[in-house]
PDB file of all heavy atoms in Angstrom:
ATOM      1  N   LEU A   1     105.348 -45.500  42.719  1.00  0.00           N
ATOM      2  CA  LEU A   1     106.175 -44.372  43.134  1.00  0.00           C
ATOM      3  C   LEU A   1     105.293 -43.200  43.539  1.00  0.00           C
ATOM      4  O   LEU A   1     104.457 -42.750  42.753  1.00  0.00           O
ATOM      5  CB  LEU A   1     107.090 -43.919  41.987  1.00  0.00           C
ATOM      6  CG  LEU A   1     107.988 -44.968  41.328  1.00  0.00           C
ATOM      7  CD1 LEU A   1     108.852 -44.294  40.264  1.00  0.00           C
ATOM      8  CD2 LEU A   1     108.849 -45.688  42.337  1.00  0.00           C
ATOM      9  N   PRO A   2     105.458 -42.674  44.758  1.00  0.00           N
ATOM     10  CA  PRO A   2     104.805 -41.405  45.094  1.00  0.00           C
ATOM     11  C   PRO A   2     105.269 -40.325  44.114  1.00  0.00           C
ATOM     12  O   PRO A   2     106.197 -40.559  43.321  1.00  0.00           O
ATOM     13  CB  PRO A   2     105.293 -41.135  46.517  1.00  0.00           C
ATOM     14  CG  PRO A   2     105.688 -42.474  47.055  1.00  0.00           C
ATOM     15  CD  PRO A   2     106.227 -43.225  45.870  1.00  0.00           C
ATOM     16  N   PRO A   3     104.661 -39.145  44.126  1.00  0.00           N
ATOM     17  CA  PRO A   3     104.998 -38.132  43.115  1.00  0.00           C
ATOM     18  C   PRO A   3     106.501 -37.933  42.949  1.00  0.00           C
ATOM     19  O   PRO A   3     107.241 -37.806  43.932  1.00  0.00           O
ATOM     20  CB  PRO A   3     104.329 -36.870  43.660  1.00  0.00           C
ATOM     21  CG  PRO A   3     103.143 -37.385  44.401  1.00  0.00           C
ATOM     22  CD  PRO A   3     103.614 -38.659  45.048  1.00  0.00           C
ATOM     23  N   VAL A   4     106.942 -37.910  41.697  1.00  0.00           N
ATOM     24  CA  VAL A   4     108.376 -37.798  41.376  1.00  0.00           C
ATOM     25  C   VAL A   4     108.707 -36.404  40.843  1.00  0.00           C
ATOM     26  O   VAL A   4     109.764 -36.193  40.264  1.00  0.00           O
ATOM     27  CB  VAL A   4     108.787 -38.873  40.343  1.00  0.00           C
ATOM     28  CG1 VAL A   4     108.624 -40.262  40.925  1.00  0.00           C
ATOM     29  CG2 VAL A   4     107.964 -38.730  39.049  1.00  0.00           C
ATOM     30  N   HIS A   5     107.807 -35.449  41.054  1.00  0.00           N
ATOM     31  CA  HIS A   5     107.941 -34.124  40.465  1.00  0.00           C
ATOM     32  C   HIS A   5     108.764 -33.183  41.360  1.00  0.00           C
ATOM     33  O   HIS A   5     109.035 -33.491  42.529  1.00  0.00           O
ATOM     34  CB  HIS A   5     106.553 -33.537  40.230  1.00  0.00           C
ATOM     35  CG  HIS A   5     105.574 -34.516  39.655  1.00  0.00           C
ATOM     36  ND1 HIS A   5     105.761 -35.080  38.418  1.00  0.00           N
ATOM     37  CD2 HIS A   5     104.420 -35.040  40.157  1.00  0.00           C
ATOM     38  CE1 HIS A   5     104.750 -35.911  38.167  1.00  0.00           C
ATOM     39  NE2 HIS A   5     103.932 -35.901  39.219  1.00  0.00           N
ATOM     40  N   PRO A   6     109.143 -32.024  40.819  1.00  0.00           N
ATOM     41  CA  PRO A   6     109.793 -30.999  41.659  1.00  0.00           C
ATOM     42  C   PRO A   6     108.895 -30.642  42.848  1.00  0.00           C
ATOM     43  O   PRO A   6     107.662 -30.627  42.733  1.00  0.00           O
ATOM     44  CB  PRO A   6     109.960 -29.817  40.705  1.00  0.00           C
ATOM     45  CG  PRO A   6     110.007 -30.430  39.339  1.00  0.00           C
ATOM     46  CD  PRO A   6     109.077 -31.612  39.401  1.00  0.00           C
ATOM     47  N   ILE A   7     109.522 -30.360  43.984  1.00  0.00           N
ATOM     48  CA  ILE A   7     108.802 -30.091  45.233  1.00  0.00           C
ATOM     49  C   ILE A   7     108.893 -28.604  45.562  1.00  0.00           C
ATOM     50  O   ILE A   7     109.959 -27.992  45.454  1.00  0.00           O
ATOM     51  CB  ILE A   7     109.384 -30.936  46.380  1.00  0.00           C
ATOM     52  CG1 ILE A   7     109.203 -32.430  46.066  1.00  0.00           C
ATOM     53  CG2 ILE A   7     108.719 -30.578  47.715  1.00  0.00           C
ATOM     54  CD1 ILE A   7     109.928 -33.343  47.030  1.00  0.00           C
ATOM     55  N   GLY A   8     107.764 -28.041  45.970  1.00  0.00           N
ATOM     56  CA  GLY A   8     107.724 -26.616  46.277  1.00  0.00           C
ATOM     57  C   GLY A   8     108.549 -26.239  47.495  1.00  0.00           C
ATOM     58  O   GLY A   8     108.834 -27.068  48.374  1.00  0.00           O
ATOM     59  N   TYR A   9     108.908 -24.941  47.556  1.00  0.00           N
ATOM     60  CA  TYR A   9     109.690 -24.416  48.682  1.00  0.00           C
ATOM     61  C   TYR A   9     108.803 -23.646  49.664  1.00  0.00           C
ATOM     62  O   TYR A   9     109.047 -23.664  50.874  1.00  0.00           O
ATOM     63  CB  TYR A   9     110.798 -23.493  48.163  1.00  0.00           C
ATOM     64  CG  TYR A   9     111.841 -24.216  47.341  1.00  0.00           C
ATOM     65  CD1 TYR A   9     111.815 -24.178  45.944  1.00  0.00           C
ATOM     66  CD2 TYR A   9     112.851 -24.940  47.960  1.00  0.00           C
ATOM     67  CE1 TYR A   9     112.761 -24.849  45.192  1.00  0.00           C
ATOM     68  CE2 TYR A   9     113.810 -25.613  47.209  1.00  0.00           C
ATOM     69  CZ  TYR A   9     113.757 -25.561  45.825  1.00  0.00           C
ATOM     70  OH  TYR A   9     114.706 -26.229  45.092  1.00  0.00           O
ATOM     71  N   THR A  10     107.788 -22.990  49.171  1.00  0.00           N
ATOM     72  CA  THR A  10     106.936 -22.166  50.028  1.00  0.00           C
ATOM     73  C   THR A  10     106.178 -23.043  51.018  1.00  0.00           C
ATOM     74  O   THR A  10     105.507 -23.999  50.625  1.00  0.00           O
ATOM     75  CB  THR A  10     105.947 -21.363  49.172  1.00  0.00           C
ATOM     76  OG1 THR A  10     106.662 -20.533  48.271  1.00  0.00           O
ATOM     77  CG2 THR A  10     105.050 -20.513  50.052  1.00  0.00           C
ATOM     78  N   LYS A  11     106.302 -22.703  52.313  1.00  0.00           N
ATOM     79  CA  LYS A  11     105.634 -23.439  53.395  1.00  0.00           C
ATOM     80  C   LYS A  11     106.004 -24.917  53.388  1.00  0.00           C
ATOM     81  O   LYS A  11     105.212 -25.768  53.810  1.00  0.00           O
ATOM     82  CB  LYS A  11     104.113 -23.285  53.291  1.00  0.00           C
ATOM     83  CG  LYS A  11     103.616 -21.849  53.391  1.00  0.00           C
ATOM     84  CD  LYS A  11     103.859 -21.255  54.764  1.00  0.00           C
ATOM     85  CE  LYS A  11     103.276 -19.859  54.869  1.00  0.00           C
ATOM     86  NZ  LYS A  11     103.476 -19.252  56.206  1.00  0.00           N
ATOM     87  N   ARG A  12     107.213 -25.237  52.952  1.00  0.00           N
ATOM     88  CA  ARG A  12     107.655 -26.631  52.909  1.00  0.00           C
ATOM     89  C   ARG A  12     107.616 -27.232  54.312  1.00  0.00           C
ATOM     90  O   ARG A  12     108.044 -26.625  55.279  1.00  0.00           O
ATOM     91  CB  ARG A  12     109.064 -26.728  52.327  1.00  0.00           C
ATOM     92  CG  ARG A  12     109.630 -28.143  52.321  1.00  0.00           C
ATOM     93  CD  ARG A  12     110.997 -28.226  51.663  1.00  0.00           C
ATOM     94  NE  ARG A  12     110.892 -28.140  50.203  1.00  0.00           N
ATOM     95  CZ  ARG A  12     111.902 -28.424  49.370  1.00  0.00           C
ATOM     96  NH1 ARG A  12     113.088 -28.773  49.860  1.00  0.00           N
ATOM     97  NH2 ARG A  12     111.726 -28.327  48.074  1.00  0.00           N
ATOM     98  N   LYS A  13     107.096 -28.490  54.392  1.00  0.00           N
ATOM     99  CA  LYS A  13     107.011 -29.187  55.669  1.00  0.00           C
ATOM    100  C   LYS A  13     108.360 -29.818  56.023  1.00  0.00           C
ATOM    101  O   LYS A  13     109.119 -30.254  55.155  1.00  0.00           O
ATOM    102  CB  LYS A  13     105.946 -30.280  55.603  1.00  0.00           C
ATOM    103  CG  LYS A  13     104.519 -29.747  55.450  1.00  0.00           C
ATOM    104  CD  LYS A  13     104.045 -29.042  56.713  1.00  0.00           C
ATOM    105  CE  LYS A  13     102.591 -28.625  56.618  1.00  0.00           C
ATOM    106  NZ  LYS A  13     101.662 -29.756  56.578  1.00  0.00           N
ATOM    107  N   GLY A  14     108.605 -29.914  57.336  1.00  0.00           N
ATOM    108  CA  GLY A  14     109.830 -30.516  57.828  1.00  0.00           C
ATOM    109  C   GLY A  14     109.589 -31.878  58.439  1.00  0.00           C
ATOM    110  O   GLY A  14     108.502 -32.465  58.330  1.00  0.00           O
ATOM    111  N   LYS A  15     110.598 -32.400  59.103  1.00  0.00           N
ATOM    112  CA  LYS A  15     110.558 -33.728  59.702  1.00  0.00           C
ATOM    113  C   LYS A  15     109.353 -33.861  60.624  1.00  0.00           C
ATOM    114  O   LYS A  15     109.019 -32.952  61.373  1.00  0.00           O
ATOM    115  CB  LYS A  15     111.852 -33.966  60.477  1.00  0.00           C
ATOM    116  CG  LYS A  15     111.981 -35.352  61.083  1.00  0.00           C
ATOM    117  CD  LYS A  15     113.344 -35.541  61.728  1.00  0.00           C
ATOM    118  CE  LYS A  15     113.478 -36.935  62.325  1.00  0.00           C
ATOM    119  NZ  LYS A  15     114.817 -37.170  62.917  1.00  0.00           N
ATOM    120  N   ASN A  16     108.700 -35.039  60.532  1.00  0.00           N
ATOM    121  CA  ASN A  16     107.507 -35.323  61.340  1.00  0.00           C
ATOM    122  C   ASN A  16     106.415 -34.277  61.168  1.00  0.00           C
ATOM    123  O   ASN A  16     105.707 -33.922  62.105  1.00  0.00           O
ATOM    124  CB  ASN A  16     107.880 -35.485  62.814  1.00  0.00           C
ATOM    125  CG  ASN A  16     108.613 -36.795  63.069  1.00  0.00           C
ATOM    126  OD1 ASN A  16     108.248 -37.836  62.524  1.00  0.00           O
ATOM    127  ND2 ASN A  16     109.655 -36.742  63.869  1.00  0.00           N
ATOM    128  N   ASN A  17     106.290 -33.794  59.930  1.00  0.00           N
ATOM    129  CA  ASN A  17     105.216 -32.862  59.569  1.00  0.00           C
ATOM    130  C   ASN A  17     105.351 -31.508  60.255  1.00  0.00           C
ATOM    131  O   ASN A  17     104.363 -30.805  60.463  1.00  0.00           O
ATOM    132  CB  ASN A  17     103.847 -33.487  59.877  1.00  0.00           C
ATOM    133  CG  ASN A  17     102.716 -32.850  59.088  1.00  0.00           C
ATOM    134  OD1 ASN A  17     102.937 -32.218  58.051  1.00  0.00           O
ATOM    135  ND2 ASN A  17     101.500 -33.001  59.577  1.00  0.00           N
ATOM    136  N   ALA A  18     106.581 -31.140  60.608  1.00  0.00           N
ATOM    137  CA  ALA A  18     106.813 -29.824  61.208  1.00  0.00           C
ATOM    138  C   ALA A  18     106.414 -28.737  60.219  1.00  0.00           C
ATOM    139  O   ALA A  18     106.607 -28.870  59.003  1.00  0.00           O
ATOM    140  CB  ALA A  18     108.286 -29.676  61.585  1.00  0.00           C
ATOM    141  N   LEU A  19     105.845 -27.645  60.719  1.00  0.00           N
ATOM    142  CA  LEU A  19     105.346 -26.585  59.847  1.00  0.00           C
ATOM    143  C   LEU A  19     106.461 -25.826  59.147  1.00  0.00           C
ATOM    144  O   LEU A  19     106.232 -25.194  58.111  1.00  0.00           O
ATOM    145  CB  LEU A  19     104.481 -25.609  60.655  1.00  0.00           C
ATOM    146  CG  LEU A  19     103.176 -26.193  61.211  1.00  0.00           C
ATOM    147  CD1 LEU A  19     102.421 -25.138  62.004  1.00  0.00           C
ATOM    148  CD2 LEU A  19     102.307 -26.749  60.092  1.00  0.00           C
ATOM    149  N   VAL A  20     107.672 -25.877  59.694  1.00  0.00           N
ATOM    150  CA  VAL A  20     108.812 -25.190  59.085  1.00  0.00           C
ATOM    151  C   VAL A  20     109.916 -26.208  58.835  1.00  0.00           C
ATOM    152  O   VAL A  20     110.320 -26.936  59.745  1.00  0.00           O
ATOM    153  CB  VAL A  20     109.334 -24.055  59.992  1.00  0.00           C
ATOM    154  CG1 VAL A  20     110.530 -23.370  59.332  1.00  0.00           C
ATOM    155  CG2 VAL A  20     108.229 -23.044  60.259  1.00  0.00           C
ATOM    156  N   ALA A  21     110.404 -26.249  57.600  1.00  0.00           N
ATOM    157  CA  ALA A  21     111.459 -27.193  57.242  1.00  0.00           C
ATOM    158  C   ALA A  21     112.829 -26.571  57.433  1.00  0.00           C
ATOM    159  O   ALA A  21     113.016 -25.366  57.212  1.00  0.00           O
ATOM    160  CB  ALA A  21     111.284 -27.635  55.787  1.00  0.00           C
ATOM    161  N   ALA A  22     113.766 -27.418  57.850  1.00  0.00           N
ATOM    162  CA  ALA A  22     115.158 -26.986  57.897  1.00  0.00           C
ATOM    163  C   ALA A  22     115.673 -26.870  56.464  1.00  0.00           C
ATOM    164  O   ALA A  22     115.117 -27.480  55.535  1.00  0.00           O
ATOM    165  CB  ALA A  22     115.984 -27.982  58.694  1.00  0.00           C
ATOM    166  N   PRO A  23     116.741 -26.102  56.249  1.00  0.00           N
ATOM    167  CA  PRO A  23     117.230 -25.861  54.874  1.00  0.00           C
ATOM    168  C   PRO A  23     117.525 -27.126  54.074  1.00  0.00           C
ATOM    169  O   PRO A  23     117.338 -27.153  52.854  1.00  0.00           O
ATOM    170  CB  PRO A  23     118.499 -25.045  55.113  1.00  0.00           C
ATOM    171  CG  PRO A  23     118.258 -24.354  56.409  1.00  0.00           C
ATOM    172  CD  PRO A  23     117.480 -25.325  57.253  1.00  0.00           C
ATOM    173  N   HIS A  24     117.966 -28.194  54.754  1.00  0.00           N
ATOM    174  CA  HIS A  24     118.366 -29.402  54.029  1.00  0.00           C
ATOM    175  C   HIS A  24     117.221 -30.394  53.840  1.00  0.00           C
ATOM    176  O   HIS A  24     117.387 -31.418  53.179  1.00  0.00           O
ATOM    177  CB  HIS A  24     119.489 -30.115  54.799  1.00  0.00           C
ATOM    178  CG  HIS A  24     119.053 -30.615  56.142  1.00  0.00           C
ATOM    179  ND1 HIS A  24     118.917 -29.781  57.236  1.00  0.00           N
ATOM    180  CD2 HIS A  24     118.685 -31.862  56.554  1.00  0.00           C
ATOM    181  CE1 HIS A  24     118.519 -30.495  58.280  1.00  0.00           C
ATOM    182  NE2 HIS A  24     118.365 -31.759  57.889  1.00  0.00           N
ATOM    183  N   GLU A  25     116.049 -30.124  54.396  1.00  0.00           N
ATOM    184  CA  GLU A  25     114.974 -31.105  54.361  1.00  0.00           C
ATOM    185  C   GLU A  25     114.243 -31.071  53.016  1.00  0.00           C
ATOM    186  O   GLU A  25     113.999 -29.998  52.457  1.00  0.00           O
ATOM    187  CB  GLU A  25     113.999 -30.851  55.513  1.00  0.00           C
ATOM    188  CG  GLU A  25     114.630 -31.183  56.869  1.00  0.00           C
ATOM    189  CD  GLU A  25     113.688 -31.002  58.031  1.00  0.00           C
ATOM    190  OE1 GLU A  25     112.941 -29.988  58.058  1.00  0.00           O
ATOM    191  OE2 GLU A  25     113.693 -31.861  58.931  1.00  0.00           O
ATOM    192  N   PRO A  26     113.871 -32.264  52.505  1.00  0.00           N
ATOM    193  CA  PRO A  26     113.362 -32.355  51.121  1.00  0.00           C
ATOM    194  C   PRO A  26     111.910 -31.961  50.948  1.00  0.00           C
ATOM    195  O   PRO A  26     111.469 -31.710  49.823  1.00  0.00           O
ATOM    196  CB  PRO A  26     113.564 -33.832  50.791  1.00  0.00           C
ATOM    197  CG  PRO A  26     113.418 -34.530  52.110  1.00  0.00           C
ATOM    198  CD  PRO A  26     114.020 -33.596  53.129  1.00  0.00           C
ATOM    199  N   GLY A  27     111.107 -31.941  52.019  1.00  0.00           N
ATOM    200  CA  GLY A  27     109.699 -31.615  51.901  1.00  0.00           C
ATOM    201  C   GLY A  27     108.858 -32.796  51.458  1.00  0.00           C
ATOM    202  O   GLY A  27     109.366 -33.867  51.112  1.00  0.00           O
ATOM    203  N   SER A  28     107.544 -32.590  51.479  1.00  0.00           N
ATOM    204  CA  SER A  28     106.621 -33.639  51.053  1.00  0.00           C
ATOM    205  C   SER A  28     106.525 -33.656  49.533  1.00  0.00           C
ATOM    206  O   SER A  28     106.294 -32.617  48.898  1.00  0.00           O
ATOM    207  CB  SER A  28     105.230 -33.396  51.642  1.00  0.00           C
ATOM    208  OG  SER A  28     104.270 -34.220  51.014  1.00  0.00           O
ATOM    209  N   CYS A  29     106.668 -34.851  48.959  1.00  0.00           N
ATOM    210  CA  CYS A  29     106.618 -34.940  47.495  1.00  0.00           C
ATOM    211  C   CYS A  29     105.212 -34.731  46.946  1.00  0.00           C
ATOM    212  O   CYS A  29     105.034 -34.648  45.724  1.00  0.00           O
ATOM    213  CB  CYS A  29     107.197 -36.270  47.021  1.00  0.00           C
ATOM    214  SG  CYS A  29     106.459 -37.729  47.739  1.00  0.00           S
ATOM    215  N   TRP A  30     104.218 -34.618  47.828  1.00  0.00           N
ATOM    216  CA  TRP A  30     102.861 -34.305  47.359  1.00  0.00           C
ATOM    217  C   TRP A  30     102.645 -32.795  47.210  1.00  0.00           C
ATOM    218  O   TRP A  30     101.595 -32.379  46.722  1.00  0.00           O
ATOM    219  CB  TRP A  30     101.827 -34.904  48.297  1.00  0.00           C
ATOM    220  CG  TRP A  30     101.595 -36.366  48.008  1.00  0.00           C
ATOM    221  CD1 TRP A  30     100.725 -36.897  47.108  1.00  0.00           C
ATOM    222  CD2 TRP A  30     102.268 -37.480  48.607  1.00  0.00           C
ATOM    223  NE1 TRP A  30     100.801 -38.273  47.098  1.00  0.00           N
ATOM    224  CE2 TRP A  30     101.744 -38.658  48.018  1.00  0.00           C
ATOM    225  CE3 TRP A  30     103.258 -37.613  49.578  1.00  0.00           C
ATOM    226  CZ2 TRP A  30     102.171 -39.937  48.377  1.00  0.00           C
ATOM    227  CZ3 TRP A  30     103.689 -38.888  49.940  1.00  0.00           C
ATOM    228  CH2 TRP A  30     103.148 -40.026  49.345  1.00  0.00           C
ATOM    229  N   ALA A  31     103.627 -31.988  47.636  1.00  0.00           N
ATOM    230  CA  ALA A  31     103.582 -30.538  47.397  1.00  0.00           C
ATOM    231  C   ALA A  31     104.269 -30.286  46.062  1.00  0.00           C
ATOM    232  O   ALA A  31     105.467 -29.991  45.980  1.00  0.00           O
ATOM    233  CB  ALA A  31     104.270 -29.787  48.529  1.00  0.00           C
ATOM    234  N   ILE A  32     103.528 -30.403  44.990  1.00  0.00           N
ATOM    235  CA  ILE A  32     104.098 -30.542  43.650  1.00  0.00           C
ATOM    236  C   ILE A  32     104.328 -29.190  42.987  1.00  0.00           C
ATOM    237  O   ILE A  32     103.429 -28.345  42.953  1.00  0.00           O
ATOM    238  CB  ILE A  32     103.170 -31.407  42.768  1.00  0.00           C
ATOM    239  CG1 ILE A  32     103.045 -32.811  43.363  1.00  0.00           C
ATOM    240  CG2 ILE A  32     103.669 -31.474  41.328  1.00  0.00           C
ATOM    241  CD1 ILE A  32     101.967 -33.650  42.715  1.00  0.00           C
ATOM    242  N   GLY A  33     105.536 -29.020  42.443  1.00  0.00           N
ATOM    243  CA  GLY A  33     105.810 -27.910  41.549  1.00  0.00           C
ATOM    244  C   GLY A  33     106.701 -26.823  42.117  1.00  0.00           C
ATOM    245  O   GLY A  33     106.537 -26.380  43.247  1.00  0.00           O
ATOM    246  N   ASN A  34     107.675 -26.409  41.311  1.00  0.00           N
ATOM    247  CA  ASN A  34     108.507 -25.231  41.610  1.00  0.00           C
ATOM    248  C   ASN A  34     109.055 -24.710  40.283  1.00  0.00           C
ATOM    249  O   ASN A  34     108.552 -25.063  39.215  1.00  0.00           O
ATOM    250  CB  ASN A  34     109.595 -25.559  42.643  1.00  0.00           C
ATOM    251  CG  ASN A  34     110.619 -26.580  42.163  1.00  0.00           C
ATOM    252  OD1 ASN A  34     110.897 -26.690  40.960  1.00  0.00           O
ATOM    253  ND2 ASN A  34     111.184 -27.338  43.085  1.00  0.00           N
ATOM    254  N   LYS A  35     110.108 -23.911  40.332  1.00  0.00           N
ATOM    255  CA  LYS A  35     110.646 -23.315  39.107  1.00  0.00           C
ATOM    256  C   LYS A  35     111.129 -24.356  38.103  1.00  0.00           C
ATOM    257  O   LYS A  35     111.277 -24.066  36.903  1.00  0.00           O
ATOM    258  CB  LYS A  35     111.808 -22.383  39.464  1.00  0.00           C
ATOM    259  CG  LYS A  35     112.965 -23.067  40.171  1.00  0.00           C
ATOM    260  CD  LYS A  35     114.076 -22.084  40.503  1.00  0.00           C
ATOM    261  CE  LYS A  35     115.212 -22.763  41.268  1.00  0.00           C
ATOM    262  NZ  LYS A  35     115.806 -23.892  40.532  1.00  0.00           N
ATOM    263  N   ASP A  36     111.399 -25.565  38.577  1.00  0.00           N
ATOM    264  CA  ASP A  36     111.869 -26.626  37.681  1.00  0.00           C
ATOM    265  C   ASP A  36     110.734 -27.316  36.933  1.00  0.00           C
ATOM    266  O   ASP A  36     110.989 -28.164  36.068  1.00  0.00           O
ATOM    267  CB  ASP A  36     112.658 -27.673  38.472  1.00  0.00           C
ATOM    268  CG  ASP A  36     113.943 -27.103  39.062  1.00  0.00           C
ATOM    269  OD1 ASP A  36     114.685 -26.441  38.307  1.00  0.00           O
ATOM    270  OD2 ASP A  36     114.193 -27.317  40.265  1.00  0.00           O
ATOM    271  N   GLY A  37     109.500 -26.966  37.252  1.00  0.00           N
ATOM    272  CA  GLY A  37     108.371 -27.553  36.535  1.00  0.00           C
ATOM    273  C   GLY A  37     107.312 -28.089  37.470  1.00  0.00           C
ATOM    274  O   GLY A  37     107.403 -27.958  38.697  1.00  0.00           O
ATOM    275  N   GLY A  38     106.297 -28.705  36.862  1.00  0.00           N
ATOM    276  CA  GLY A  38     105.173 -29.220  37.629  1.00  0.00           C
ATOM    277  C   GLY A  38     104.931 -30.689  37.384  1.00  0.00           C
ATOM    278  O   GLY A  38     105.831 -31.515  37.494  1.00  0.00           O
TER     279      GLY A  38
END
């Protein structure tokens, strides 16, 4: 399993590695950690 941790919001990547994510996009799971933990 790739990282199963909370995913950060700051500078979250979008579809096809876009620099800005749309509101509904989940982001890369390798960007680990947010208010829910690390």
